[in-house]
Amino acid sequence: MTQRVILKELKNLTITERLTIIEAALQLIRKDLQQVEQPFVPTERRQQLAAAAAALLPDYSGGGELTIFTVLDGENFHV
């Protein structure tokens, strides 16, 4: 169904029916936006952070300072 057809059909409905449809559409949009804003459930996010920490573990457990990262200090990171 195209937008034009939907709008044409809405004209045939009562105001109450139109409001009901609009409310339902807004609920669908809100649900979609929540999924976009929060793509990870807490468990998935925790697993992702744990994997990132495990990947960096050798850098931290080797002892000494983490001077390898100071190479980037002089880089211009402004775009």
PDB file of N, CA and C in Angstrom:
ATOM      1  N   MET A   1       0.852  -1.171   0.000  1.00  0.00           N
ATOM      2  CA  MET A   1       0.000   0.000   0.000  1.00  0.00           C
ATOM      3  C   MET A   1       0.900   1.238   0.000  1.00  0.00           C
ATOM      4  N   THR A   2       0.615   2.172  -0.877  1.00  0.00           N
ATOM      5  CA  THR A   2       1.441   3.370  -0.974  1.00  0.00           C
ATOM      6  C   THR A   2       0.948   4.448  -0.013  1.00  0.00           C
ATOM      7  N   GLN A   3       1.786   5.433   0.189  1.00  0.00           N
ATOM      8  CA  GLN A   3       1.429   6.538   1.081  1.00  0.00           C
ATOM      9  C   GLN A   3       0.184   7.255   0.568  1.00  0.00           C
ATOM     10  N   ARG A   4       0.105   7.426  -0.737  1.00  0.00           N
ATOM     11  CA  ARG A   4      -1.045   8.113  -1.335  1.00  0.00           C
ATOM     12  C   ARG A   4      -2.344   7.352  -1.052  1.00  0.00           C
ATOM     13  N   VAL A   5      -2.312   6.030  -1.186  1.00  0.00           N
ATOM     14  CA  VAL A   5      -3.495   5.199  -0.938  1.00  0.00           C
ATOM     15  C   VAL A   5      -3.887   5.276   0.536  1.00  0.00           C
ATOM     16  N   ILE A   6      -2.885   5.216   1.412  1.00  0.00           N
ATOM     17  CA  ILE A   6      -3.173   5.276   2.854  1.00  0.00           C
ATOM     18  C   ILE A   6      -3.837   6.598   3.207  1.00  0.00           C
ATOM     19  N   LEU A   7      -3.280   7.692   2.705  1.00  0.00           N
ATOM     20  CA  LEU A   7      -3.863   9.011   3.006  1.00  0.00           C
ATOM     21  C   LEU A   7      -5.275   9.143   2.434  1.00  0.00           C
ATOM     22  N   LYS A   8      -5.502   8.582   1.269  1.00  0.00           N
ATOM     23  CA  LYS A   8      -6.838   8.622   0.668  1.00  0.00           C
ATOM     24  C   LYS A   8      -7.832   7.849   1.529  1.00  0.00           C
ATOM     25  N   GLU A   9      -7.405   6.680   2.021  1.00  0.00           N
ATOM     26  CA  GLU A   9      -8.277   5.856   2.858  1.00  0.00           C
ATOM     27  C   GLU A   9      -8.524   6.506   4.222  1.00  0.00           C
ATOM     28  N   LEU A  10      -7.537   7.219   4.741  1.00  0.00           N
ATOM     29  CA  LEU A  10      -7.727   7.897   6.033  1.00  0.00           C
ATOM     30  C   LEU A  10      -8.844   8.927   5.971  1.00  0.00           C
ATOM     31  N   LYS A  11      -9.036   9.523   4.820  1.00  0.00           N
ATOM     32  CA  LYS A  11     -10.102  10.522   4.664  1.00  0.00           C
ATOM     33  C   LYS A  11     -11.483   9.897   4.847  1.00  0.00           C
ATOM     34  N   ASN A  12     -11.584   8.599   4.612  1.00  0.00           N
ATOM     35  CA  ASN A  12     -12.869   7.911   4.734  1.00  0.00           C
ATOM     36  C   ASN A  12     -13.183   7.479   6.167  1.00  0.00           C
ATOM     37  N   LEU A  13     -12.218   7.655   7.082  1.00  0.00           N
ATOM     38  CA  LEU A  13     -12.406   7.216   8.459  1.00  0.00           C
ATOM     39  C   LEU A  13     -12.871   8.368   9.336  1.00  0.00           C
ATOM     40  N   THR A  14     -13.425   8.008  10.475  1.00  0.00           N
ATOM     41  CA  THR A  14     -13.818   9.034  11.448  1.00  0.00           C
ATOM     42  C   THR A  14     -12.562   9.554  12.152  1.00  0.00           C
ATOM     43  N   ILE A  15     -12.711  10.664  12.840  1.00  0.00           N
ATOM     44  CA  ILE A  15     -11.586  11.234  13.567  1.00  0.00           C
ATOM     45  C   ILE A  15     -11.079  10.245  14.616  1.00  0.00           C
ATOM     46  N   THR A  16     -11.967   9.579  15.297  1.00  0.00           N
ATOM     47  CA  THR A  16     -11.581   8.602  16.315  1.00  0.00           C
ATOM     48  C   THR A  16     -10.776   7.464  15.686  1.00  0.00           C
ATOM     49  N   GLU A  17     -11.216   6.978  14.543  1.00  0.00           N
ATOM     50  CA  GLU A  17     -10.498   5.903  13.859  1.00  0.00           C
ATOM     51  C   GLU A  17      -9.118   6.382  13.395  1.00  0.00           C
ATOM     52  N   ARG A  18      -9.050   7.614  12.900  1.00  0.00           N
ATOM     53  CA  ARG A  18      -7.770   8.167  12.467  1.00  0.00           C
ATOM     54  C   ARG A  18      -6.802   8.268  13.646  1.00  0.00           C
ATOM     55  N   LEU A  19      -7.304   8.765  14.780  1.00  0.00           N
ATOM     56  CA  LEU A  19      -6.450   8.895  15.962  1.00  0.00           C
ATOM     57  C   LEU A  19      -5.949   7.545  16.443  1.00  0.00           C
ATOM     58  N   THR A  20      -6.778   6.545  16.382  1.00  0.00           N
ATOM     59  CA  THR A  20      -6.379   5.196  16.780  1.00  0.00           C
ATOM     60  C   THR A  20      -5.248   4.691  15.894  1.00  0.00           C
ATOM     61  N   ILE A  21      -5.368   4.926  14.599  1.00  0.00           N
ATOM     62  CA  ILE A  21      -4.334   4.501  13.656  1.00  0.00           C
ATOM     63  C   ILE A  21      -3.041   5.278  13.887  1.00  0.00           C
ATOM     64  N   ILE A  22      -3.156   6.582  14.122  1.00  0.00           N
ATOM     65  CA  ILE A  22      -1.977   7.412  14.365  1.00  0.00           C
ATOM     66  C   ILE A  22      -1.262   6.964  15.637  1.00  0.00           C
ATOM     67  N   GLU A  23      -2.013   6.674  16.680  1.00  0.00           N
ATOM     68  CA  GLU A  23      -1.411   6.198  17.934  1.00  0.00           C
ATOM     69  C   GLU A  23      -0.671   4.882  17.725  1.00  0.00           C
ATOM     70  N   ALA A  24      -1.267   3.992  16.967  1.00  0.00           N
ATOM     71  CA  ALA A  24      -0.627   2.702  16.695  1.00  0.00           C
ATOM     72  C   ALA A  24       0.651   2.905  15.882  1.00  0.00           C
ATOM     73  N   ALA A  25       0.608   3.801  14.907  1.00  0.00           N
ATOM     74  CA  ALA A  25       1.792   4.079  14.092  1.00  0.00           C
ATOM     75  C   ALA A  25       2.897   4.692  14.943  1.00  0.00           C
ATOM     76  N   LEU A  26       2.549   5.594  15.842  1.00  0.00           N
ATOM     77  CA  LEU A  26       3.542   6.212  16.719  1.00  0.00           C
ATOM     78  C   LEU A  26       4.175   5.185  17.654  1.00  0.00           C
ATOM     79  N   GLN A  27       3.389   4.253  18.125  1.00  0.00           N
ATOM     80  CA  GLN A  27       3.943   3.193  18.978  1.00  0.00           C
ATOM     81  C   GLN A  27       4.953   2.344  18.209  1.00  0.00           C
ATOM     82  N   LEU A  28       4.657   2.055  16.953  1.00  0.00           N
ATOM     83  CA  LEU A  28       5.592   1.291  16.119  1.00  0.00           C
ATOM     84  C   LEU A  28       6.885   2.069  15.899  1.00  0.00           C
ATOM     85  N   ILE A  29       6.759   3.370  15.664  1.00  0.00           N
ATOM     86  CA  ILE A  29       7.940   4.208  15.456  1.00  0.00           C
ATOM     87  C   ILE A  29       8.774   4.271  16.721  1.00  0.00           C
ATOM     88  N   ARG A  30       8.130   4.455  17.873  1.00  0.00           N
ATOM     89  CA  ARG A  30       8.863   4.493  19.144  1.00  0.00           C
ATOM     90  C   ARG A  30       9.623   3.192  19.380  1.00  0.00           C
ATOM     91  N   LYS A  31       8.970   2.082  19.093  1.00  0.00           N
ATOM     92  CA  LYS A  31       9.606   0.779  19.280  1.00  0.00           C
ATOM     93  C   LYS A  31      10.823   0.646  18.372  1.00  0.00           C
ATOM     94  N   ASP A  32      10.693   1.066  17.121  1.00  0.00           N
ATOM     95  CA  ASP A  32      11.817   1.017  16.187  1.00  0.00           C
ATOM     96  C   ASP A  32      12.964   1.915  16.650  1.00  0.00           C
ATOM     97  N   LEU A  33      12.644   3.102  17.141  1.00  0.00           N
ATOM     98  CA  LEU A  33      13.674   4.027  17.604  1.00  0.00           C
ATOM     99  C   LEU A  33      14.401   3.486  18.827  1.00  0.00           C
ATOM    100  N   GLN A  34      13.706   2.823  19.706  1.00  0.00           N
ATOM    101  CA  GLN A  34      14.345   2.238  20.885  1.00  0.00           C
ATOM    102  C   GLN A  34      15.324   1.152  20.477  1.00  0.00           C
ATOM    103  N   GLN A  35      14.997   0.392  19.462  1.00  0.00           N
ATOM    104  CA  GLN A  35      15.892  -0.661  18.999  1.00  0.00           C
ATOM    105  C   GLN A  35      17.133  -0.067  18.344  1.00  0.00           C
ATOM    106  N   VAL A  36      16.976   1.056  17.664  1.00  0.00           N
ATOM    107  CA  VAL A  36      18.112   1.708  17.033  1.00  0.00           C
ATOM    108  C   VAL A  36      19.015   2.319  18.084  1.00  0.00           C
ATOM    109  N   GLU A  37      18.441   2.961  19.093  1.00  0.00           N
ATOM    110  CA  GLU A  37      19.215   3.618  20.125  1.00  0.00           C
ATOM    111  C   GLU A  37      19.916   2.620  21.042  1.00  0.00           C
ATOM    112  N   GLN A  38      19.315   1.471  21.267  1.00  0.00           N
ATOM    113  CA  GLN A  38      19.876   0.474  22.161  1.00  0.00           C
ATOM    114  C   GLN A  38      19.976  -0.868  21.433  1.00  0.00           C
ATOM    115  N   PRO A  39      20.971  -0.981  20.516  1.00  0.00           N
ATOM    116  CA  PRO A  39      21.043  -2.206  19.739  1.00  0.00           C
ATOM    117  C   PRO A  39      21.469  -3.426  20.542  1.00  0.00           C
ATOM    118  N   PHE A  40      22.129  -3.218  21.689  1.00  0.00           N
ATOM    119  CA  PHE A  40      22.599  -4.342  22.487  1.00  0.00           C
ATOM    120  C   PHE A  40      21.788  -4.459  23.761  1.00  0.00           C
ATOM    121  N   VAL A  41      21.393  -5.647  24.088  1.00  0.00           N
ATOM    122  CA  VAL A  41      20.816  -5.881  25.405  1.00  0.00           C
ATOM    123  C   VAL A  41      21.979  -5.905  26.380  1.00  0.00           C
ATOM    124  N   PRO A  42      21.759  -5.647  27.659  1.00  0.00           N
ATOM    125  CA  PRO A  42      22.873  -5.571  28.616  1.00  0.00           C
ATOM    126  C   PRO A  42      23.815  -6.766  28.575  1.00  0.00           C
ATOM    127  N   THR A  43      23.304  -7.962  28.388  1.00  0.00           N
ATOM    128  CA  THR A  43      24.156  -9.150  28.346  1.00  0.00           C
ATOM    129  C   THR A  43      25.092  -9.102  27.142  1.00  0.00           C
ATOM    130  N   GLU A  44      24.569  -8.730  25.987  1.00  0.00           N
ATOM    131  CA  GLU A  44      25.398  -8.636  24.785  1.00  0.00           C
ATOM    132  C   GLU A  44      26.461  -7.550  24.952  1.00  0.00           C
ATOM    133  N   ARG A  45      26.074  -6.427  25.533  1.00  0.00           N
ATOM    134  CA  ARG A  45      27.012  -5.328  25.749  1.00  0.00           C
ATOM    135  C   ARG A  45      28.131  -5.767  26.696  1.00  0.00           C
ATOM    136  N   ARG A  46      27.777  -6.471  27.752  1.00  0.00           N
ATOM    137  CA  ARG A  46      28.764  -6.962  28.706  1.00  0.00           C
ATOM    138  C   ARG A  46      29.729  -7.936  28.024  1.00  0.00           C
ATOM    139  N   GLN A  47      29.217  -8.795  27.167  1.00  0.00           N
ATOM    140  CA  GLN A  47      30.067  -9.745  26.441  1.00  0.00           C
ATOM    141  C   GLN A  47      31.010  -9.012  25.487  1.00  0.00           C
ATOM    142  N   GLN A  48      30.504  -7.971  24.856  1.00  0.00           N
ATOM    143  CA  GLN A  48      31.325  -7.191  23.940  1.00  0.00           C
ATOM    144  C   GLN A  48      32.467  -6.496  24.696  1.00  0.00           C
ATOM    145  N   LEU A  49      32.162  -5.919  25.852  1.00  0.00           N
ATOM    146  CA  LEU A  49      33.183  -5.264  26.658  1.00  0.00           C
ATOM    147  C   LEU A  49      34.203  -6.267  27.192  1.00  0.00           C
ATOM    148  N   ALA A  50      33.737  -7.451  27.581  1.00  0.00           N
ATOM    149  CA  ALA A  50      34.647  -8.487  28.074  1.00  0.00           C
ATOM    150  C   ALA A  50      35.602  -8.931  26.972  1.00  0.00           C
ATOM    151  N   ALA A  51      35.110  -9.058  25.748  1.00  0.00           N
ATOM    152  CA  ALA A  51      35.966  -9.455  24.626  1.00  0.00           C
ATOM    153  C   ALA A  51      37.007  -8.370  24.342  1.00  0.00           C
ATOM    154  N   ALA A  52      36.609  -7.110  24.431  1.00  0.00           N
ATOM    155  CA  ALA A  52      37.554  -6.012  24.203  1.00  0.00           C
ATOM    156  C   ALA A  52      38.619  -5.996  25.295  1.00  0.00           C
ATOM    157  N   ALA A  53      38.218  -6.220  26.539  1.00  0.00           N
ATOM    158  CA  ALA A  53      39.172  -6.255  27.646  1.00  0.00           C
ATOM    159  C   ALA A  53      40.146  -7.427  27.484  1.00  0.00           C
ATOM    160  N   ALA A  54      39.648  -8.569  27.062  1.00  0.00           N
ATOM    161  CA  ALA A  54      40.505  -9.737  26.859  1.00  0.00           C
ATOM    162  C   ALA A  54      41.518  -9.480  25.744  1.00  0.00           C
ATOM    163  N   ALA A  55      41.107  -8.737  24.715  1.00  0.00           N
ATOM    164  CA  ALA A  55      42.021  -8.432  23.613  1.00  0.00           C
ATOM    165  C   ALA A  55      43.152  -7.515  24.072  1.00  0.00           C
ATOM    166  N   LEU A  56      42.906  -6.664  25.054  1.00  0.00           N
ATOM    167  CA  LEU A  56      43.927  -5.741  25.557  1.00  0.00           C
ATOM    168  C   LEU A  56      44.735  -6.305  26.721  1.00  0.00           C
ATOM    169  N   LEU A  57      44.334  -7.430  27.244  1.00  0.00           N
ATOM    170  CA  LEU A  57      45.000  -8.007  28.409  1.00  0.00           C
ATOM    171  C   LEU A  57      46.515  -8.178  28.230  1.00  0.00           C
ATOM    172  N   PRO A  58      46.992  -8.670  27.087  1.00  0.00           N
ATOM    173  CA  PRO A  58      48.443  -8.815  26.932  1.00  0.00           C
ATOM    174  C   PRO A  58      49.190  -7.475  27.069  1.00  0.00           C
ATOM    175  N   ASP A  59      48.577  -6.398  26.629  1.00  0.00           N
ATOM    176  CA  ASP A  59      49.228  -5.091  26.739  1.00  0.00           C
ATOM    177  C   ASP A  59      49.397  -4.670  28.194  1.00  0.00           C
ATOM    178  N   TYR A  60      48.440  -5.025  29.018  1.00  0.00           N
ATOM    179  CA  TYR A  60      48.478  -4.614  30.409  1.00  0.00           C
ATOM    180  C   TYR A  60      49.236  -5.591  31.302  1.00  0.00           C
ATOM    181  N   SER A  61      49.242  -6.855  30.962  1.00  0.00           N
ATOM    182  CA  SER A  61      49.862  -7.851  31.840  1.00  0.00           C
ATOM    183  C   SER A  61      51.361  -8.028  31.581  1.00  0.00           C
ATOM    184  N   GLY A  62      51.899  -7.416  30.557  1.00  0.00           N
ATOM    185  CA  GLY A  62      53.313  -7.550  30.237  1.00  0.00           C
ATOM    186  C   GLY A  62      54.223  -6.829  31.214  1.00  0.00           C
ATOM    187  N   GLY A  63      53.660  -5.976  32.056  1.00  0.00           N
ATOM    188  CA  GLY A  63      54.474  -5.213  32.988  1.00  0.00           C
ATOM    189  C   GLY A  63      55.009  -3.954  32.329  1.00  0.00           C
ATOM    190  N   GLY A  64      55.523  -3.072  33.117  1.00  0.00           N
ATOM    191  CA  GLY A  64      56.062  -1.836  32.585  1.00  0.00           C
ATOM    192  C   GLY A  64      54.962  -0.852  32.213  1.00  0.00           C
ATOM    193  N   GLU A  65      55.371   0.155  31.488  1.00  0.00           N
ATOM    194  CA  GLU A  65      54.412   1.199  31.106  1.00  0.00           C
ATOM    195  C   GLU A  65      53.783   0.887  29.757  1.00  0.00           C
ATOM    196  N   LEU A  66      52.694   1.519  29.525  1.00  0.00           N
ATOM    197  CA  LEU A  66      52.006   1.340  28.248  1.00  0.00           C
ATOM    198  C   LEU A  66      52.443   2.444  27.285  1.00  0.00           C
ATOM    199  N   THR A  67      53.730   2.533  27.053  1.00  0.00           N
ATOM    200  CA  THR A  67      54.250   3.608  26.221  1.00  0.00           C
ATOM    201  C   THR A  67      53.959   3.418  24.743  1.00  0.00           C
ATOM    202  N   ILE A  68      53.549   2.223  24.358  1.00  0.00           N
ATOM    203  CA  ILE A  68      53.244   1.983  22.947  1.00  0.00           C
ATOM    204  C   ILE A  68      52.146   2.924  22.453  1.00  0.00           C
ATOM    205  N   PHE A  69      51.249   3.298  23.348  1.00  0.00           N
ATOM    206  CA  PHE A  69      50.147   4.157  22.944  1.00  0.00           C
ATOM    207  C   PHE A  69      50.561   5.626  22.848  1.00  0.00           C
ATOM    208  N   THR A  70      51.719   5.998  23.363  1.00  0.00           N
ATOM    209  CA  THR A  70      52.156   7.399  23.305  1.00  0.00           C
ATOM    210  C   THR A  70      52.613   7.794  21.912  1.00  0.00           C
ATOM    211  N   VAL A  71      52.776   6.833  21.029  1.00  0.00           N
ATOM    212  CA  VAL A  71      53.151   7.137  19.652  1.00  0.00           C
ATOM    213  C   VAL A  71      52.107   8.026  19.002  1.00  0.00           C
ATOM    214  N   LEU A  72      50.889   7.889  19.424  1.00  0.00           N
ATOM    215  CA  LEU A  72      49.780   8.664  18.854  1.00  0.00           C
ATOM    216  C   LEU A  72      49.653  10.050  19.446  1.00  0.00           C
ATOM    217  N   ASP A  73      50.430  10.390  20.446  1.00  0.00           N
ATOM    218  CA  ASP A  73      50.276  11.675  21.112  1.00  0.00           C
ATOM    219  C   ASP A  73      50.446  12.858  20.179  1.00  0.00           C
ATOM    220  N   GLY A  74      51.308  12.757  19.219  1.00  0.00           N
ATOM    221  CA  GLY A  74      51.550  13.875  18.316  1.00  0.00           C
ATOM    222  C   GLY A  74      50.602  13.936  17.133  1.00  0.00           C
ATOM    223  N   GLU A  75      49.765  12.950  16.993  1.00  0.00           N
ATOM    224  CA  GLU A  75      48.827  12.909  15.864  1.00  0.00           C
ATOM    225  C   GLU A  75      47.725  13.946  16.006  1.00  0.00           C
ATOM    226  N   ASN A  76      47.381  14.586  14.907  1.00  0.00           N
ATOM    227  CA  ASN A  76      46.269  15.519  14.881  1.00  0.00           C
ATOM    228  C   ASN A  76      44.998  14.723  14.607  1.00  0.00           C
ATOM    229  N   PHE A  77      44.126  14.625  15.576  1.00  0.00           N
ATOM    230  CA  PHE A  77      42.925  13.818  15.388  1.00  0.00           C
ATOM    231  C   PHE A  77      41.684  14.672  15.177  1.00  0.00           C
ATOM    232  N   HIS A  78      41.851  15.936  14.956  1.00  0.00           N
ATOM    233  CA  HIS A  78      40.712  16.804  14.613  1.00  0.00           C
ATOM    234  C   HIS A  78      40.444  16.670  13.130  1.00  0.00           C
ATOM    235  N   VAL A  79      39.191  16.509  12.800  1.00  0.00           N
ATOM    236  CA  VAL A  79      38.838  16.320  11.389  1.00  0.00           C
ATOM    237  C   VAL A  79      38.399  17.619  10.782  1.00  0.00           C
TER     238      VAL A  79
END
